[in-house]
Amino acid sequence: MNQHTRQRIQEAAAQLNYVPSSQAKGLSSGRTGTVAVLVPDITNPFYFDIIRGTQHQLKAAGLTQLLVDTEESSEMELDALHKMRRSADGFVLAASRLTDAQLAEVAGSQPLVTINRASADAPSVVIDTPSAIIQALDHLASLGHNRVCYVGGPPTSWSNEMRWKVFEEDSRRRGMETHRIGPFIPKTTSGAAAADAALRTGATACVVFNDLLAIGMLQRLQARGIRVPEDMSIVGSDDIFGADFCNPPLTTISSPIEQAGRVAVAMLLSQLNPVPGGASRKLAVMPTHLTIRQSTGPAPD
């Protein structure tokens, strides 16, 4: 195309206020300029900080975030990955509910990074909750508790199984009477059933899959006249917004959740824009710690 023709086309486009189609540009470049972030439950405050972290890091890289709520469904998650294969340059899967085989399949065909779901087939950002489970048991043991209960989350949650494995091994090593109840949907509405089941075990302290479930348990225990922490101690996980001003304020596992989102995007960008001779990071582990508030106390006599 000569310069005169190009100039005439540009003038005509300006008069018509023409804006090039991003999808058409993506067809020619092979890139869409978008990254999809998939979360199991967009109403869970735990994912707010992950979404904020991925959003900020993608914006800094000149990319747009597409957000998908998979509703705790592995089928919906897999379907979204297949349907969006051509409309996103890569994927961040937060707490993926996919099986190992499903994750291996999608990781082999598109750039992705998982958060809180370790995988041999995909780069992963893992929040080291198991270490904080040991901290929680240290704390409960120091308060005299020897009958403890793990309140489980979704059966398809990788982190749920990792937490239970550490909880069971460490509590039994200490000679504690150990119980497990669940699975429960990780929402406050499941807290009543979880609290009732926990009371039936005879445990004096519970470590709960997430804060939403723990807060629901606090509400139910209060309604039944069970005092927290005098009659039962409760430890949550995630330190979500509101965990410090529920009644009583919740002892919980804290971690740099927003930073996990940022690191996941950085790892994805290293796949999308590899450096010659460089190696992409395969695993990042985010530290955790126990934040002690008023929902834990000495074991009842």
Protein backbone atom coordinates (compact mmCIF):
# COMPACT_ATOMS: atom_id res chain seq x y z
CA MET A 1 0.00 0.00 0.00
CA ASN A 2 1.49 3.34 -1.03
CA GLN A 3 1.63 6.35 1.27
CA HIS A 4 -1.13 8.27 -0.57
CA THR A 5 -3.61 5.39 -0.26
CA ARG A 6 -2.73 4.86 3.39
CA GLN A 7 -3.34 8.54 4.15
CA ARG A 8 -6.76 8.50 2.41
CA ILE A 9 -7.81 5.42 4.42
CA GLN A 10 -6.69 7.02 7.68
CA GLU A 11 -8.59 10.24 6.89
CA ALA A 12 -11.76 8.27 6.06
CA ALA A 13 -11.43 6.24 9.28
CA ALA A 14 -11.04 9.43 11.32
CA GLN A 15 -14.17 10.95 9.76
CA LEU A 16 -16.16 7.82 10.61
CA ASN A 17 -14.72 7.64 14.16
CA TYR A 18 -13.55 4.13 13.33
CA VAL A 19 -12.01 2.13 16.17
CA PRO A 20 -10.13 -1.06 15.26
CA SER A 21 -11.68 -4.27 16.60
CA SER A 22 -9.61 -5.77 19.41
CA GLN A 23 -10.82 -9.23 18.35
CA ALA A 24 -9.70 -8.64 14.77
CA LYS A 25 -6.31 -7.39 15.98
CA GLY A 26 -6.07 -10.50 18.12
CA LEU A 27 -6.63 -12.71 15.08
CA SER A 28 -3.68 -11.15 13.29
CA SER A 29 -1.34 -10.99 16.31
CA GLY A 30 -2.41 -14.21 18.02
CA ARG A 31 -2.99 -12.23 21.23
CA THR A 32 -6.17 -10.81 22.73
CA GLY A 33 -4.64 -8.69 25.49
CA THR A 34 -6.83 -10.41 28.09
CA VAL A 35 -6.27 -12.91 30.90
CA ALA A 36 -9.10 -14.87 32.51
CA VAL A 37 -9.17 -15.28 36.29
CA LEU A 38 -11.39 -18.14 37.50
CA VAL A 39 -12.61 -18.29 41.11
CA PRO A 40 -14.93 -20.86 42.75
CA ASP A 41 -17.15 -18.32 44.54
CA ILE A 42 -17.04 -14.61 43.76
CA THR A 43 -19.05 -13.81 46.91
CA ASN A 44 -16.34 -15.24 49.19
CA PRO A 45 -14.24 -12.34 50.54
CA PHE A 46 -11.11 -14.52 50.36
CA TYR A 47 -11.11 -14.06 46.59
CA PHE A 48 -11.52 -10.26 46.75
CA ASP A 49 -7.82 -9.76 47.47
CA ILE A 50 -6.74 -12.33 44.88
CA ILE A 51 -8.84 -10.53 42.26
CA ARG A 52 -7.41 -7.17 43.33
CA GLY A 53 -3.86 -8.53 43.10
CA THR A 54 -4.32 -10.03 39.64
CA GLN A 55 -6.12 -6.90 38.41
CA HIS A 56 -3.33 -4.55 39.50
CA GLN A 57 -0.57 -6.71 38.05
CA LEU A 58 -2.39 -7.21 34.74
CA LYS A 59 -3.15 -3.49 34.46
CA ALA A 60 0.54 -2.69 34.95
CA ALA A 61 1.31 -5.08 32.10
CA GLY A 62 -1.27 -3.44 29.81
CA LEU A 63 -3.64 -6.41 29.94
CA THR A 64 -7.35 -6.69 30.74
CA GLN A 65 -8.79 -9.08 33.32
CA LEU A 66 -11.78 -11.30 32.59
CA LEU A 67 -13.41 -12.64 35.75
CA VAL A 68 -15.30 -15.94 35.85
CA ASP A 69 -17.23 -17.40 38.82
CA THR A 70 -17.23 -21.20 38.49
CA GLU A 71 -19.69 -21.70 41.38
CA GLU A 72 -17.62 -24.43 43.11
CA SER A 73 -18.15 -26.63 40.03
CA SER A 74 -15.31 -28.47 38.30
CA GLU A 75 -17.57 -29.01 35.28
CA MET A 76 -18.24 -25.27 34.94
CA GLU A 77 -14.54 -24.52 35.40
CA LEU A 78 -13.49 -26.97 32.68
CA ASP A 79 -16.21 -25.72 30.34
CA ALA A 80 -15.08 -22.11 30.79
CA LEU A 81 -11.48 -23.05 30.06
CA HIS A 82 -12.46 -24.79 26.84
CA LYS A 83 -14.80 -22.04 25.66
CA MET A 84 -12.37 -19.20 26.44
CA ARG A 85 -9.31 -20.83 24.91
CA ARG A 86 -9.34 -18.42 21.95
CA SER A 87 -10.57 -15.35 23.80
CA ALA A 88 -7.89 -15.18 26.53
CA ASP A 89 -4.12 -15.28 26.31
CA GLY A 90 -3.83 -17.17 29.59
CA PHE A 91 -5.59 -18.21 32.77
CA VAL A 92 -5.21 -17.84 36.53
CA LEU A 93 -7.12 -20.58 38.37
CA ALA A 94 -7.78 -19.73 42.02
CA ALA A 95 -8.42 -22.81 44.19
CA SER A 96 -9.14 -24.92 41.12
CA ARG A 97 -11.64 -27.74 41.65
CA LEU A 98 -10.30 -29.72 38.67
CA THR A 99 -8.91 -33.22 39.10
CA ASP A 100 -5.21 -33.82 38.50
CA ALA A 101 -6.00 -35.36 35.10
CA GLN A 102 -8.21 -32.44 34.05
CA LEU A 103 -5.61 -29.91 35.17
CA ALA A 104 -2.87 -31.74 33.28
CA GLU A 105 -5.03 -31.68 30.14
CA VAL A 106 -5.70 -27.94 30.17
CA ALA A 107 -2.17 -27.04 31.27
CA GLY A 108 -0.85 -28.89 28.23
CA SER A 109 -2.85 -26.76 25.81
CA GLN A 110 -2.86 -23.21 27.22
CA PRO A 111 -0.76 -20.98 29.51
CA LEU A 112 -2.05 -21.02 33.08
CA VAL A 113 -1.07 -20.65 36.71
CA THR A 114 -2.91 -22.05 39.71
CA ILE A 115 -3.34 -20.44 43.12
CA ASN A 116 -3.74 -22.68 46.17
CA ARG A 117 -3.76 -25.82 44.03
CA ALA A 118 -0.37 -27.46 43.67
CA SER A 119 0.18 -29.35 40.45
CA ALA A 120 3.11 -31.09 38.78
CA ASP A 121 1.70 -29.98 35.44
CA ALA A 122 1.16 -26.25 36.00
CA PRO A 123 3.03 -23.41 37.71
CA SER A 124 1.49 -22.86 41.14
CA VAL A 125 1.26 -20.24 43.87
CA VAL A 126 0.61 -22.11 47.11
CA ILE A 127 -0.54 -20.43 50.32
CA ASP A 128 1.24 -22.34 53.08
CA THR A 129 -1.84 -22.94 55.22
CA PRO A 130 -0.59 -26.34 56.48
CA SER A 131 2.23 -24.63 58.39
CA ALA A 132 -0.33 -22.37 60.06
CA ILE A 133 -2.42 -25.43 60.96
CA ILE A 134 0.53 -26.56 63.06
CA GLN A 135 0.69 -23.07 64.61
CA ALA A 136 -3.03 -23.34 65.42
CA LEU A 137 -2.52 -26.72 67.11
CA ASP A 138 0.44 -25.29 69.05
CA HIS A 139 -1.82 -22.50 70.24
CA LEU A 140 -4.68 -24.83 71.20
CA ALA A 141 -2.34 -27.25 72.98
CA SER A 142 -0.88 -24.37 75.01
CA LEU A 143 -4.43 -23.59 76.14
CA GLY A 144 -4.94 -27.15 77.37
CA HIS A 145 -7.11 -28.52 74.55
CA ASN A 146 -6.72 -32.25 73.85
CA ARG A 147 -9.97 -32.97 71.98
CA VAL A 148 -9.88 -31.18 68.63
CA CYS A 149 -11.97 -31.24 65.47
CA TYR A 150 -11.25 -30.30 61.86
CA VAL A 151 -14.29 -28.80 60.11
CA GLY A 152 -13.86 -29.67 56.44
CA GLY A 153 -14.68 -27.70 53.31
CA PRO A 154 -15.50 -28.85 49.77
CA PRO A 155 -14.47 -32.43 48.92
CA THR A 156 -12.94 -31.24 45.63
CA SER A 157 -10.69 -28.69 47.38
CA TRP A 158 -6.99 -29.56 47.24
CA SER A 159 -6.21 -27.22 50.15
CA ASN A 160 -8.92 -28.85 52.25
CA GLU A 161 -7.25 -32.25 51.96
CA MET A 162 -3.78 -30.81 52.62
CA ARG A 163 -5.03 -29.10 55.78
CA TRP A 164 -6.72 -32.23 57.06
CA LYS A 165 -3.61 -34.33 56.39
CA VAL A 166 -1.42 -31.99 58.46
CA PHE A 167 -4.12 -31.55 61.13
CA GLU A 168 -4.54 -35.31 61.56
CA GLU A 169 -0.82 -36.10 61.64
CA ASP A 170 0.14 -33.30 64.01
CA SER A 171 -2.78 -33.66 66.43
CA ARG A 172 -2.25 -37.41 66.73
CA ARG A 173 1.49 -36.87 67.24
CA ARG A 174 0.55 -34.68 70.22
CA GLY A 175 -1.72 -37.41 71.61
CA MET A 176 -4.86 -35.37 70.98
CA GLU A 177 -8.27 -36.95 70.40
CA THR A 178 -8.87 -36.05 66.76
CA HIS A 179 -12.14 -35.66 64.86
CA ARG A 180 -13.13 -34.64 61.35
CA ILE A 181 -16.58 -33.46 60.25
CA GLY A 182 -17.89 -32.36 56.88
CA PRO A 183 -17.65 -31.74 54.03
CA PHE A 184 -19.44 -28.41 54.27
CA ILE A 185 -20.08 -25.70 51.69
CA PRO A 186 -17.70 -22.89 52.70
CA LYS A 187 -20.40 -20.32 53.46
CA THR A 188 -21.86 -18.87 56.66
CA THR A 189 -25.15 -20.67 55.91
CA SER A 190 -23.39 -24.01 56.50
CA GLY A 191 -22.21 -22.90 59.93
CA ALA A 192 -25.27 -24.10 61.83
CA ALA A 193 -24.94 -27.69 60.64
CA ALA A 194 -21.20 -27.58 61.25
CA ALA A 195 -21.59 -26.26 64.79
CA ASP A 196 -24.15 -28.91 65.66
CA ALA A 197 -21.90 -31.66 64.27
CA ALA A 198 -18.86 -30.27 66.13
CA LEU A 199 -20.71 -30.30 69.43
CA ARG A 200 -21.61 -33.97 68.95
CA THR A 201 -17.91 -34.92 68.74
CA GLY A 202 -17.19 -33.66 72.25
CA ALA A 203 -14.27 -31.58 70.97
CA THR A 204 -13.37 -28.44 72.89
CA ALA A 205 -11.71 -26.70 69.91
CA CYS A 206 -12.27 -26.60 66.17
CA VAL A 207 -10.03 -25.62 63.26
CA VAL A 208 -12.36 -24.61 60.43
CA PHE A 209 -11.78 -24.70 56.66
CA ASN A 210 -12.49 -21.00 56.18
CA ASP A 211 -13.65 -17.90 58.01
CA LEU A 212 -17.13 -17.81 56.47
CA LEU A 213 -17.90 -21.26 57.82
CA ALA A 214 -16.32 -20.37 61.17
CA ILE A 215 -18.41 -17.18 61.47
CA GLY A 216 -21.55 -19.21 60.74
CA MET A 217 -20.53 -21.57 63.54
CA LEU A 218 -20.07 -18.67 65.96
CA GLN A 219 -23.60 -17.50 65.19
CA ARG A 220 -25.08 -20.95 65.78
CA LEU A 221 -23.13 -21.58 68.98
CA GLN A 222 -24.30 -18.24 70.37
CA ALA A 223 -27.90 -19.12 69.48
CA ARG A 224 -27.57 -22.42 71.36
CA GLY A 225 -26.07 -20.76 74.43
CA ILE A 226 -22.61 -22.24 73.88
CA ARG A 227 -20.00 -19.71 74.96
CA VAL A 228 -16.99 -19.03 72.73
CA PRO A 229 -14.26 -19.44 73.84
CA GLU A 230 -15.29 -20.56 77.36
CA ASP A 231 -17.08 -23.72 76.15
CA MET A 232 -15.53 -24.14 72.70
CA SER A 233 -12.66 -22.45 70.85
CA ILE A 234 -12.87 -21.71 67.13
CA VAL A 235 -10.02 -21.09 64.65
CA GLY A 236 -10.83 -19.93 61.11
CA SER A 237 -8.74 -19.56 57.99
CA ASP A 238 -8.15 -16.68 55.52
CA ASP A 239 -8.51 -13.62 57.81
CA ILE A 240 -11.20 -12.15 55.58
CA PHE A 241 -12.69 -8.68 55.96
CA GLY A 242 -14.97 -8.88 59.00
CA ALA A 243 -13.08 -11.63 60.84
CA ASP A 244 -11.81 -9.09 63.36
CA PHE A 245 -15.20 -7.60 64.24
CA CYS A 246 -17.47 -10.62 64.42
CA ASN A 247 -18.55 -11.72 67.91
CA PRO A 248 -16.14 -12.72 69.31
CA PRO A 249 -13.35 -11.58 66.97
CA LEU A 250 -12.03 -14.65 65.17
CA THR A 251 -8.65 -16.28 65.69
CA THR A 252 -7.63 -17.18 62.15
CA ILE A 253 -4.88 -18.05 59.69
CA SER A 254 -3.57 -14.99 57.84
CA SER A 255 -1.63 -14.84 54.57
CA PRO A 256 -0.65 -12.27 51.89
CA ILE A 257 -3.58 -13.09 49.63
CA GLU A 258 -3.30 -10.05 47.32
CA GLN A 259 0.39 -10.77 46.84
CA ALA A 260 -0.51 -14.32 45.77
CA GLY A 261 -2.59 -12.83 42.93
CA ARG A 262 0.27 -10.57 41.86
CA VAL A 263 2.81 -13.40 41.89
CA ALA A 264 0.47 -15.65 39.88
CA VAL A 265 0.21 -13.02 37.14
CA ALA A 266 3.98 -12.51 37.11
CA MET A 267 4.45 -16.26 36.63
CA LEU A 268 1.87 -16.28 33.84
CA LEU A 269 3.54 -13.35 32.07
CA SER A 270 6.84 -15.26 32.09
CA GLN A 271 5.05 -17.97 30.09
CA LEU A 272 3.46 -15.50 27.68
CA ASN A 273 6.67 -13.51 27.18
CA PRO A 274 9.54 -15.95 27.79
CA VAL A 275 13.08 -14.63 28.06
CA PRO A 276 15.51 -16.49 25.78
CA GLY A 277 17.56 -18.85 27.90
CA GLY A 278 15.46 -18.08 30.98
CA ALA A 279 13.42 -20.56 33.03
CA SER A 280 9.88 -19.86 34.17
CA ARG A 281 9.19 -20.16 37.89
CA LYS A 282 7.20 -23.29 38.70
CA LEU A 283 6.31 -22.82 42.37
CA ALA A 284 5.87 -19.90 44.76
CA VAL A 285 4.96 -20.44 48.42
CA MET A 286 3.23 -17.65 50.33
CA PRO A 287 3.93 -17.57 54.10
CA THR A 288 1.15 -17.74 56.67
CA HIS A 289 0.76 -17.04 60.36
CA LEU A 290 -1.83 -17.45 63.08
CA THR A 291 -3.61 -14.25 64.13
CA ILE A 292 -4.86 -14.74 67.69
CA ARG A 293 -8.07 -12.97 68.71
CA GLN A 294 -10.85 -13.70 71.17
CA SER A 295 -12.46 -16.86 69.75
CA THR A 296 -9.85 -19.11 71.37
CA GLY A 297 -9.24 -19.58 75.08
CA PRO A 298 -8.37 -22.14 77.76
CA ALA A 299 -10.00 -25.54 77.51
CA PRO A 300 -13.04 -25.95 79.76
CA ASP A 301 -12.47 -27.91 82.99
